[in-house]
Amino acid sequence: MQLKIQKRLAAQILKSSESNIWLDSNRLDEIKEAITKADVKSLIKDKAIKAKKIRNTSKYRIRKNQIQKNKGRRRGPGSRKGSLNSRISKKRRWINHIRVQREFLQNLRDKEVIERSAYRSLYMKSKGGFFRSKRHLKIYMKEHEFIKK
């Protein structure tokens, strides 16, 4: 049974490819008799001819990986493309770095663990980038006995 013409006409009407056209196997005789566009349109209306659903790429794996990324996974050295500065700018890194130190110093000052003069000198040192981290700041304070007993 040759149904090339019917498939071609149906593809034109449904704006899809010929390989994407489904023909009802129970109504093949009726479809074979359809030779004009109007005939094919009526068969489409009667659902003897349909366009198959288009299959796209599945989003399942993408969604699954996105959930993992939201948890902070999949960020190891093998996944990194840009340089350190492109991932976090120098300014943002400095902001994060200094905020931790300043907050730590303010807490110590408010609890009166360190004197105001000590707070001021340590604040200025941290502002100048003297301390590598909060830990370094603590070590420096112990060595120079800034902490009150």
Protein backbone atom coordinates (compact mmCIF):
# COMPACT_ATOMS: atom_id res chain seq x y z
CA MET A 1 0.00 0.00 0.00
CA GLN A 2 1.53 3.26 -1.16
CA LEU A 3 0.57 6.18 1.11
CA LYS A 4 3.41 8.57 0.15
CA ILE A 5 1.14 11.28 -1.26
CA GLN A 6 -1.17 11.21 1.78
CA LYS A 7 1.81 11.42 4.15
CA ARG A 8 3.30 14.32 2.18
CA LEU A 9 0.01 16.24 2.20
CA ALA A 10 -0.50 15.55 5.92
CA ALA A 11 3.06 16.74 6.64
CA GLN A 12 2.38 20.01 4.77
CA ILE A 13 -0.88 20.60 6.65
CA LEU A 14 0.50 19.68 10.10
CA LYS A 15 3.79 21.51 9.41
CA SER A 16 6.01 18.57 10.31
CA SER A 17 8.12 15.95 8.54
CA GLU A 18 6.73 12.93 6.71
CA SER A 19 8.46 10.58 9.18
CA ASN A 20 6.54 12.29 11.99
CA ILE A 21 3.09 11.42 10.59
CA TRP A 22 1.04 8.64 12.19
CA LEU A 23 -1.63 6.83 10.16
CA ASP A 24 -4.40 4.77 11.77
CA SER A 25 -3.79 1.17 10.65
CA ASN A 26 -7.51 0.32 10.94
CA ARG A 27 -8.50 3.04 8.43
CA LEU A 28 -5.81 2.57 5.75
CA ASP A 29 -8.38 1.99 2.94
CA GLU A 30 -10.08 5.28 3.80
CA ILE A 31 -6.70 7.10 3.92
CA LYS A 32 -5.63 5.61 0.57
CA GLU A 33 -8.70 7.11 -1.15
CA ALA A 34 -7.84 10.63 0.10
CA ILE A 35 -6.03 12.37 -2.77
CA THR A 36 -6.67 16.06 -2.11
CA LYS A 37 -5.63 18.33 0.75
CA ALA A 38 -9.27 18.73 1.75
CA ASP A 39 -9.65 14.94 2.05
CA VAL A 40 -6.52 14.70 4.20
CA LYS A 41 -7.70 17.64 6.37
CA SER A 42 -10.99 15.83 7.05
CA LEU A 43 -9.06 12.68 8.04
CA ILE A 44 -6.89 14.77 10.38
CA LYS A 45 -10.08 16.16 11.91
CA ASP A 46 -11.40 12.59 12.38
CA LYS A 47 -8.05 11.64 13.97
CA ALA A 48 -7.20 9.01 11.38
CA ILE A 49 -3.98 10.96 10.70
CA LYS A 50 -1.97 12.58 13.49
CA ALA A 51 1.44 14.16 14.04
CA LYS A 52 3.59 12.20 16.49
CA LYS A 53 4.81 14.02 19.60
CA ILE A 54 8.29 15.45 19.19
CA ARG A 55 10.83 13.84 21.48
CA ASN A 56 13.31 16.30 22.94
CA THR A 57 16.40 15.77 25.04
CA SER A 58 15.44 14.69 28.55
CA LYS A 59 15.96 17.24 31.35
CA TYR A 60 16.05 14.52 34.04
CA ARG A 61 19.85 14.45 34.44
CA ILE A 62 20.11 18.25 34.35
CA ARG A 63 17.53 18.62 37.14
CA LYS A 64 19.23 15.88 39.17
CA ASN A 65 22.63 17.59 38.84
CA GLN A 66 21.13 20.99 39.69
CA ILE A 67 19.80 19.59 42.98
CA GLN A 68 23.32 18.35 43.78
CA LYS A 69 24.81 21.76 42.87
CA ASN A 70 22.29 23.50 45.16
CA LYS A 71 23.64 21.32 47.98
CA GLY A 72 27.14 22.56 47.14
CA ARG A 73 28.34 19.39 45.40
CA ARG A 74 30.05 19.07 41.98
CA ARG A 75 32.34 22.07 42.60
CA GLY A 76 35.68 20.27 42.85
CA PRO A 77 38.84 21.13 40.90
CA GLY A 78 37.72 19.03 37.92
CA SER A 79 34.58 21.13 37.48
CA ARG A 80 36.28 24.53 37.60
CA LYS A 81 36.80 26.31 34.31
CA GLY A 82 37.70 29.91 35.19
CA SER A 83 40.57 31.23 37.29
CA LEU A 84 40.06 31.96 41.00
CA ASN A 85 39.55 35.66 40.24
CA SER A 86 36.92 34.97 37.61
CA ARG A 87 34.95 32.75 40.00
CA ILE A 88 35.17 35.19 42.93
CA SER A 89 36.48 38.68 42.22
CA LYS A 90 39.42 40.04 44.22
CA LYS A 91 37.16 42.68 45.72
CA ARG A 92 34.51 40.16 46.82
CA ARG A 93 37.22 37.94 48.34
CA TRP A 94 38.61 40.93 50.27
CA ILE A 95 35.11 41.91 51.48
CA ASN A 96 34.46 38.39 52.80
CA HIS A 97 37.94 38.29 54.40
CA ILE A 98 37.71 41.67 56.17
CA ARG A 99 34.10 41.30 57.35
CA VAL A 100 34.94 38.17 59.33
CA GLN A 101 37.88 39.88 61.05
CA ARG A 102 35.99 43.10 61.80
CA GLU A 103 32.99 41.23 63.21
CA PHE A 104 35.32 39.16 65.42
CA LEU A 105 37.06 42.28 66.74
CA GLN A 106 33.75 44.06 67.39
CA ASN A 107 32.46 41.08 69.40
CA LEU A 108 35.64 41.06 71.52
CA ARG A 109 35.38 44.83 72.10
CA ASP A 110 31.66 44.64 73.05
CA LYS A 111 32.33 41.78 75.49
CA GLU A 112 35.27 43.81 76.85
CA VAL A 113 37.75 41.00 76.17
CA ILE A 114 40.10 43.56 74.59
CA GLU A 115 40.60 47.27 75.34
CA ARG A 116 39.45 49.98 72.95
CA SER A 117 43.04 50.98 72.15
CA ALA A 118 43.92 47.36 71.36
CA TYR A 119 40.77 47.09 69.24
CA ARG A 120 41.78 50.20 67.28
CA SER A 121 45.33 48.97 66.57
CA LEU A 122 44.12 45.48 65.56
CA TYR A 123 41.37 47.03 63.40
CA MET A 124 43.90 49.16 61.53
CA LYS A 125 46.24 46.18 61.08
CA SER A 126 43.42 44.07 59.64
CA LYS A 127 42.43 46.97 57.39
CA GLY A 128 46.00 46.99 56.05
CA GLY A 129 45.79 43.28 55.24
CA PHE A 130 48.21 42.26 58.00
CA PHE A 131 46.20 39.19 59.07
CA ARG A 132 45.78 36.23 56.74
CA SER A 133 42.68 34.96 58.56
CA LYS A 134 40.66 35.07 61.76
CA ARG A 135 42.91 32.31 63.12
CA HIS A 136 46.00 34.37 62.40
CA LEU A 137 44.38 37.30 64.22
CA LYS A 138 43.72 35.10 67.30
CA ILE A 139 47.33 33.83 67.33
CA TYR A 140 48.66 37.40 67.07
CA MET A 141 46.44 38.51 69.97
CA LYS A 142 47.68 35.66 72.20
CA GLU A 143 51.34 36.32 71.36
CA HIS A 144 51.05 40.05 72.07
CA GLU A 145 48.77 39.56 75.11
CA PHE A 146 45.90 41.76 73.97
CA ILE A 147 43.33 39.51 75.67
CA LYS A 148 42.28 40.52 79.21
CA LYS A 149 42.04 37.81 81.84
